[in-house]
C-alpha cells in the first residue's frame, strides 16, 4: 500500500470520526434541548402565594409578554423556550391582554392556554338590599382593582354620566353581585345595576295588580324601598305593602320610621326620638302625607314584587313584635293594644 493511500485512509477515518462526533453532538444537543423543553413546560412558575396575579397590558407583543413574565420573576426561561411552547400550542399570536390569576403549581403551558382563551380574572362586588347610595359608593370604592371614576363626581354628575340626569341615585340600582375585570370602572358597575333595575321595574309594572294606588313605576320604586327597610321577613313584604297602599288610597299618612331616619341624614345617631317624628323634612311621613320624594334605599326584587302585588286585607297598622316580625291591626284600638303589648310591655287586660 502506497503512502498516499495510507494517508487517504487515515483522512477518511478522521472524517468519519469527525462526522460521528458531530452527529453525537447534534444528538446530545437535541436530547438536552428536548429535556430542557420538557422540564420548562412541566415545571411550575415561580408563584409566591395564592392570589397572585399577572397583568398583561394591551399592545404587548409576544416578546414583550415574555419579558414581562421574566421581569415579574415568574420565569427565567429563555424566550426561545416560550416561543417553542407557544408555537406548539398554536397560540403565539393569540395571547390576550388582561389580568390573570396565578396559583402555586401553575405551569407555563397552563398560563399560555389561559391567556390564549382570554380567561382573565373576574372579581366581584355586591350591592346589598337596603343600602343607601352612600353605601353603594363606599363598596365600589373598596372594590380591588376597580377603576375609580365615581369619586370625582357628585351624585347628580354620576346620574348625568349614566344618562338619567333628572333622577336621584337613591334606589336606582339593582342589589346584586356583579362581576368585573381589570379595566372596568365603578361607573360600569352602576350602569349595569341601573339597567337591571329599570328592566325589572318595567317588567313588574307591566304585570302589576291594576288596583294598586300607584301612578308610575317610580312611585312603586319609592314604596318598595320603604317596604325593604320595614321588614327583613320575606313573607311580610306583601303584608307591609298592603298596609302602605291602603293608607295611600285613603289619604292616611304612612308613619314609617325608616323614611324619617333617612331624612335626618347624619343627625341620626342610632335612635329615633319623638322630637324627630315632629321635625318636618321632605321624608317625614309623620308630618307629610303621601310618598317621600325619592326612594330611601335599594329595594330588592322581592320588595318590588310585593308592592306590585300587595296582600289583600284590611290592616292599616303594624308594630314590631321584637323578634323580627310584626303584629298587623285593622283598627287604631287594636294597634294601641299591640303597642302596649310589644313596645310598652303591658299586656291588655
Protein backbone atom coordinates (compact mmCIF):
# COMPACT_ATOMS: atom_id res chain seq x y z
CA UNK A 1 0.00 0.00 0.00
CA UNK A 2 1.46 3.29 -1.01
CA UNK A 3 1.97 6.13 1.37
CA UNK A 4 -0.68 8.24 -0.38
CA UNK A 5 -3.27 5.54 0.05
CA UNK A 6 -2.47 5.21 3.73
CA UNK A 7 -2.88 8.97 4.15
CA UNK A 8 -6.24 8.88 2.36
CA UNK A 9 -7.35 6.04 4.60
CA UNK A 10 -6.37 7.91 7.75
CA UNK A 11 -8.10 11.03 6.45
CA UNK A 12 -11.25 9.05 5.73
CA UNK A 13 -11.19 7.60 9.24
CA UNK A 14 -10.70 11.08 10.71
CA UNK A 15 -13.57 12.42 8.66
CA UNK A 16 -15.74 9.52 9.73
CA UNK A 17 -14.84 10.10 13.36
CA UNK A 18 -15.48 13.81 12.98
CA UNK A 19 -18.87 13.12 11.41
CA UNK A 20 -19.64 10.73 14.23
CA UNK A 21 -18.66 13.32 16.80
CA UNK A 22 -20.82 15.92 15.04
CA UNK A 23 -23.76 13.53 14.85
CA UNK A 24 -23.35 12.62 18.51
CA UNK A 25 -23.05 16.29 19.46
CA UNK A 26 -26.17 17.16 17.50
CA UNK A 27 -27.99 14.23 19.04
CA UNK A 28 -26.81 15.21 22.51
CA UNK A 29 -27.87 18.80 21.90
CA UNK A 30 -31.24 17.60 20.68
CA UNK A 31 -31.66 15.38 23.73
CA UNK A 32 -30.53 18.19 26.02
CA UNK A 33 -32.86 20.63 24.26
CA UNK A 34 -35.74 18.19 24.46
CA UNK A 35 -35.16 17.52 28.14
CA UNK A 36 -34.82 21.25 28.82
CA UNK A 37 -38.00 21.99 26.88
CA UNK A 38 -39.99 19.27 28.64
CA UNK A 39 -38.71 20.45 32.01
CA UNK A 40 -39.71 24.03 31.14
CA UNK A 41 -43.22 23.09 30.06
CA UNK A 42 -43.86 20.99 33.16
CA UNK A 43 -42.01 22.90 35.86
CA UNK A 44 -44.17 25.29 37.91
CA UNK A 45 -43.82 29.02 37.54
CA UNK A 46 -42.39 30.98 40.45
CA UNK A 47 -45.73 31.81 42.07
CA UNK A 48 -45.06 33.05 45.58
CA UNK A 49 -48.56 32.80 47.05
CA UNK A 50 -52.19 32.08 46.28
CA UNK A 51 -53.99 35.12 44.98
CA UNK A 52 -51.02 36.39 42.97
CA UNK A 53 -51.84 37.78 39.52
CA UNK A 54 -50.05 38.93 36.40
CA UNK A 55 -51.27 41.89 34.37
CA UNK A 56 -50.64 41.92 30.61
CA UNK A 57 -51.00 45.37 29.13
CA UNK A 58 -52.73 46.00 25.82
CA UNK A 59 -50.45 46.25 22.82
CA UNK A 60 -47.69 43.99 24.14
CA UNK A 61 -46.33 41.55 21.57
CA UNK A 62 -45.15 38.05 22.36
CA UNK A 63 -41.60 39.18 23.11
CA UNK A 64 -42.88 41.89 25.44
CA UNK A 65 -45.11 39.41 27.28
CA UNK A 66 -42.19 37.02 27.86
CA UNK A 67 -40.03 39.91 29.03
CA UNK A 68 -42.75 40.94 31.48
CA UNK A 69 -43.00 37.40 32.86
CA UNK A 70 -39.25 37.46 33.44
CA UNK A 71 -39.35 40.94 35.00
CA UNK A 72 -42.15 39.79 37.33
CA UNK A 73 -39.95 36.92 38.47
CA UNK A 74 -42.31 34.22 37.23
CA UNK A 75 -39.78 32.52 34.96
CA UNK A 76 -36.15 32.94 33.92
CA UNK A 77 -36.53 30.59 30.94
CA UNK A 78 -35.20 31.59 27.54
CA UNK A 79 -37.61 33.41 25.22
CA UNK A 80 -36.85 30.60 22.72
CA UNK A 81 -38.45 28.07 25.07
CA UNK A 82 -41.54 30.25 25.47
CA UNK A 83 -41.72 30.70 21.70
CA UNK A 84 -41.35 26.96 21.08
CA UNK A 85 -44.13 26.19 23.55
CA UNK A 86 -46.42 28.86 22.12
CA UNK A 87 -45.86 27.57 18.59
CA UNK A 88 -46.59 24.00 19.65
CA UNK A 89 -49.81 25.14 21.33
CA UNK A 90 -50.69 27.29 18.34
CA UNK A 91 -51.12 30.44 20.45
CA UNK A 92 -48.08 32.57 19.65
CA UNK A 93 -50.21 35.31 18.08
CA UNK A 94 -53.39 34.75 20.10
CA UNK A 95 -52.48 35.96 23.59
CA UNK A 96 -54.95 38.42 25.16
CA UNK A 97 -54.24 41.37 27.43
CA UNK A 98 -55.75 41.43 30.91
CA UNK A 99 -55.21 40.29 34.48
CA UNK A 100 -54.67 36.57 35.01
CA UNK A 101 -54.88 34.62 38.22
CA UNK A 102 -51.81 32.60 39.22
CA UNK A 103 -51.69 29.66 41.56
CA UNK A 104 -48.85 27.67 43.12
CA UNK A 105 -48.01 24.80 40.78
CA UNK A 106 -49.20 26.54 37.61
CA UNK A 107 -47.06 25.67 34.58
CA UNK A 108 -46.14 27.80 31.53
CA UNK A 109 -48.46 25.60 29.45
CA UNK A 110 -51.49 26.41 31.61
CA UNK A 111 -50.65 30.12 31.68
CA UNK A 112 -50.34 30.36 27.89
CA UNK A 113 -53.56 28.39 27.41
CA UNK A 114 -55.38 30.73 29.80
CA UNK A 115 -54.01 33.80 28.01
CA UNK A 116 -54.97 32.42 24.60
CA UNK A 117 -58.50 31.67 25.79
CA UNK A 118 -58.82 35.08 27.46
CA UNK A 119 -59.54 33.54 30.86
CA UNK A 120 -58.95 36.84 32.64
CA UNK A 121 -59.52 37.18 36.36
CA UNK A 122 -63.10 38.06 37.29
CA UNK A 123 -63.64 39.90 40.55
CA UNK A 124 -66.97 40.57 42.26
CA UNK A 125 -68.65 43.40 44.11
CA UNK A 126 -72.01 43.10 45.86
CA UNK A 127 -74.66 45.80 46.23
CA UNK A 128 -76.83 44.83 49.19
CA UNK A 129 -80.61 45.11 49.61
CA UNK A 130 -81.47 48.15 51.71
CA UNK A 131 -78.26 50.08 51.06
CA UNK A 132 -78.26 53.82 50.51
CA UNK A 133 -76.34 55.30 47.60
CA UNK A 134 -73.65 56.44 50.04
CA UNK A 135 -73.11 52.79 50.99
CA UNK A 136 -73.01 51.82 47.32
CA UNK A 137 -70.30 54.43 46.73
CA UNK A 138 -68.28 53.07 49.66
CA UNK A 139 -68.47 49.47 48.44
CA UNK A 140 -67.36 50.42 44.93
CA UNK A 141 -64.51 52.48 46.31
CA UNK A 142 -63.23 49.47 48.27
CA UNK A 143 -63.52 47.02 45.36
CA UNK A 144 -59.98 45.87 44.42
CA UNK A 145 -58.59 46.86 41.00
CA UNK A 146 -61.84 48.60 40.01
CA UNK A 147 -61.11 51.84 38.18
CA UNK A 148 -62.35 54.77 40.28
CA UNK A 149 -64.31 57.42 38.36
CA UNK A 150 -67.14 57.99 40.81
CA UNK A 151 -65.01 59.70 43.47
CA UNK A 152 -64.58 62.78 41.29
CA UNK A 153 -68.34 63.08 40.63
CA UNK A 154 -71.25 64.40 42.67
CA UNK A 155 -74.35 62.24 42.85
CA UNK A 156 -76.01 64.45 40.23
CA UNK A 157 -72.98 64.29 37.93
CA UNK A 158 -72.90 60.50 38.27
CA UNK A 159 -76.52 60.28 37.14
CA UNK A 160 -75.71 62.50 34.16
CA UNK A 161 -72.97 60.05 33.20
CA UNK A 162 -75.49 57.23 33.49
CA UNK A 163 -77.94 59.01 31.20
CA UNK A 164 -80.58 59.67 33.88
CA UNK A 165 -79.86 63.29 34.74
CA UNK A 166 -83.25 64.14 36.24
CA UNK A 167 -83.24 61.34 38.79
CA UNK A 168 -81.86 60.95 42.30
CA UNK A 169 -79.49 57.96 42.57
CA UNK A 170 -81.27 56.59 45.64
CA UNK A 171 -82.88 53.23 44.92
CA UNK A 172 -81.92 53.29 41.25
CA UNK A 173 -79.59 50.28 41.25
CA UNK A 174 -80.47 46.61 41.45
CA UNK A 175 -78.94 44.98 44.52
CA UNK A 176 -76.97 42.00 43.26
CA UNK A 177 -73.44 40.64 42.82
CA UNK A 178 -71.62 41.99 39.77
CA UNK A 179 -68.54 40.57 38.06
CA UNK A 180 -65.86 42.84 36.71
CA UNK A 181 -62.43 42.55 35.11
CA UNK A 182 -59.36 44.76 35.06
CA UNK A 183 -60.05 47.97 33.15
CA UNK A 184 -63.71 48.26 34.17
CA UNK A 185 -64.82 51.18 36.33
CA UNK A 186 -67.27 51.82 39.14
CA UNK A 187 -69.47 53.64 36.60
CA UNK A 188 -69.54 50.45 34.50
CA UNK A 189 -70.94 48.56 37.51
CA UNK A 190 -73.50 51.29 38.18
CA UNK A 191 -74.59 51.31 34.54
CA UNK A 192 -75.28 47.56 34.67
CA UNK A 193 -77.08 47.83 38.02
CA UNK A 194 -79.16 50.78 36.78
CA UNK A 195 -80.18 48.93 33.61
CA UNK A 196 -81.08 45.82 35.62
CA UNK A 197 -83.29 47.87 37.95
CA UNK A 198 -85.04 49.69 35.11
CA UNK A 199 -85.72 46.47 33.22
CA UNK A 200 -87.04 44.62 36.27
CA UNK A 201 -89.17 47.56 37.38
CA UNK A 202 -90.70 47.89 33.91
CA UNK A 203 -91.47 44.16 33.75
CA UNK A 204 -93.12 44.10 37.17
CA UNK A 205 -95.02 47.31 36.49
CA UNK A 206 -96.46 45.82 33.29
CA UNK A 207 -97.80 42.84 35.29
CA UNK A 208 -98.94 44.75 38.39
CA UNK A 209 -102.26 44.39 40.17
CA UNK A 210 -104.33 47.11 38.45
CA UNK A 211 -105.99 48.09 41.74
CA UNK A 212 -102.85 49.44 43.42
CA UNK A 213 -102.98 53.22 44.10
CA UNK A 214 -99.69 54.00 42.36
CA UNK A 215 -99.47 56.08 39.21
CA UNK A 216 -95.90 55.45 37.98
CA UNK A 217 -93.13 52.87 38.21
CA UNK A 218 -91.07 55.41 40.15
CA UNK A 219 -93.77 55.61 42.84
CA UNK A 220 -93.59 51.82 43.05
CA UNK A 221 -89.81 52.04 43.45
CA UNK A 222 -90.17 54.55 46.29
CA UNK A 223 -92.73 52.41 48.09
CA UNK A 224 -90.64 49.27 47.57
CA UNK A 225 -87.71 50.96 49.32
CA UNK A 226 -89.94 51.62 52.35
CA UNK A 227 -91.09 48.00 52.37
CA UNK A 228 -87.46 46.87 52.11
CA UNK A 229 -86.46 48.85 55.19
CA UNK A 230 -89.51 47.95 57.26
CA UNK A 231 -89.06 44.17 57.33
CA UNK A 232 -86.44 41.51 56.73
CA UNK A 233 -89.06 38.73 56.76
CA UNK A 234 -89.87 37.77 53.15
CA UNK A 235 -93.41 36.62 53.95
CA UNK A 236 -94.25 40.00 55.48
CA UNK A 237 -93.34 42.14 52.48
CA UNK A 238 -96.74 41.81 50.74
CA UNK A 239 -98.47 42.50 54.09
CA UNK A 240 -96.43 45.66 54.69
CA UNK A 241 -97.03 46.76 51.10
CA UNK A 242 -100.76 46.20 51.60
CA UNK A 243 -100.83 48.42 54.70
CA UNK A 244 -98.98 51.24 52.95
CA UNK A 245 -101.12 51.07 49.83
CA UNK A 246 -104.38 51.06 51.76
CA UNK A 247 -103.14 54.14 53.64
CA UNK A 248 -102.24 55.86 50.38
CA UNK A 249 -105.65 55.00 48.99
CA UNK A 250 -107.49 56.79 51.79
CA UNK A 251 -105.04 59.68 52.21
CA UNK A 252 -103.66 58.43 55.52
CA UNK A 253 -100.06 59.29 56.43
CA UNK A 254 -97.61 56.40 56.12
CA UNK A 255 -95.94 56.98 59.52
CA UNK A 256 -92.83 54.96 58.62
CA UNK A 257 -89.72 55.42 60.76
CA UNK A 258 -87.10 54.40 58.13
CA UNK A 259 -88.12 57.32 55.93
CA UNK A 260 -87.82 59.73 58.86
CA UNK A 261 -84.37 58.33 59.66
CA UNK A 262 -83.27 58.78 56.05
CA UNK A 263 -84.44 62.40 56.15
CA UNK A 264 -82.41 63.02 59.32
CA UNK A 265 -79.19 62.22 57.46
CA UNK A 266 -76.07 62.47 59.61
CA UNK A 267 -78.15 63.71 62.56
CA UNK A 268 -79.39 60.16 63.14
CA UNK A 269 -77.31 58.60 65.93
CA UNK A 270 -78.93 55.18 66.18
CA UNK A 271 -82.14 56.09 67.97
CA UNK A 272 -85.23 57.97 66.88
CA UNK A 273 -86.99 60.34 69.31
CA UNK A 274 -90.44 61.87 69.45
CA UNK A 275 -88.94 65.23 68.50
CA UNK A 276 -87.56 63.62 65.34
CA UNK A 277 -91.04 62.46 64.38
CA UNK A 278 -92.30 66.02 64.81
CA UNK A 279 -89.47 67.71 62.87
CA UNK A 280 -90.64 68.25 59.32
CA UNK A 281 -88.45 67.13 56.41
CA UNK A 282 -89.46 66.02 52.90
CA UNK A 283 -89.01 62.45 54.15
CA UNK A 284 -91.01 62.76 57.39
CA UNK A 285 -94.04 60.60 56.71
CA UNK A 286 -95.48 61.57 60.11
CA UNK A 287 -95.77 65.23 59.09
CA UNK A 288 -96.42 64.80 55.37
CA UNK A 289 -98.96 62.70 53.53
CA UNK A 290 -98.10 60.55 50.55
CA UNK A 291 -94.79 59.08 49.48
CA UNK A 292 -91.40 60.63 50.20
CA UNK A 293 -89.82 62.36 47.18
CA UNK A 294 -87.32 59.58 46.38
CA UNK A 295 -86.57 56.01 47.43
CA UNK A 296 -84.63 55.72 50.67
CA UNK A 297 -82.66 52.56 49.83
CA UNK A 298 -82.07 49.85 47.25
CA UNK A 299 -85.22 47.71 47.14
CA UNK A 300 -84.85 44.01 46.43
CA UNK A 301 -86.71 42.23 43.67
CA UNK A 302 -88.98 40.72 46.32
CA UNK A 303 -89.89 44.15 47.73
CA UNK A 304 -90.72 45.47 44.26
CA UNK A 305 -92.85 42.42 43.54
CA UNK A 306 -94.66 42.84 46.87
CA UNK A 307 -95.59 46.43 46.02
CA UNK A 308 -96.95 45.35 42.63
CA UNK A 309 -98.94 42.51 44.25
CA UNK A 310 -99.78 43.53 47.84
CA UNK A 311 -101.54 41.11 50.17
CA UNK A 312 -105.29 41.67 50.46
CA UNK A 313 -106.81 42.56 53.81
CA UNK A 314 -107.95 45.44 55.99
CA UNK A 315 -104.87 46.08 58.15
CA UNK A 316 -103.86 49.75 58.43
CA UNK A 317 -101.27 49.41 61.20
CA UNK A 318 -98.34 47.23 62.20
CA UNK A 319 -95.93 47.17 65.11
CA UNK A 320 -92.71 45.23 65.66
CA UNK A 321 -93.03 42.24 67.98
CA UNK A 322 -89.35 42.32 68.89
CA UNK A 323 -88.47 39.07 67.13
CA UNK A 324 -88.20 40.50 63.62
CA UNK A 325 -91.88 40.02 62.79
CA UNK A 326 -94.82 42.42 63.06
CA UNK A 327 -98.32 42.46 64.51
CA UNK A 328 -100.87 43.77 61.99
CA UNK A 329 -104.07 45.54 63.08
CA UNK A 330 -107.14 46.85 61.27
CA UNK A 331 -108.20 49.46 63.85
CA UNK A 332 -106.41 52.05 65.96
CA UNK A 333 -107.70 50.40 69.14
CA UNK A 334 -106.19 47.06 68.12
CA UNK A 335 -102.97 48.80 67.20
CA UNK A 336 -102.73 50.63 70.52
CA UNK A 337 -103.22 47.35 72.33
CA UNK A 338 -100.44 45.77 70.25
CA UNK A 339 -98.15 48.72 71.03
CA UNK A 340 -98.78 48.26 74.76
CA UNK A 341 -98.06 44.55 74.47
CA UNK A 342 -94.97 44.60 72.31
CA UNK A 343 -93.50 48.06 72.88
CA UNK A 344 -94.54 49.07 76.36
CA UNK A 345 -94.59 45.55 77.70
CA UNK A 346 -98.11 45.90 79.11
CA UNK A 347 -100.48 43.12 78.18
CA UNK A 348 -104.06 44.22 77.57
CA UNK A 349 -106.24 43.05 80.45
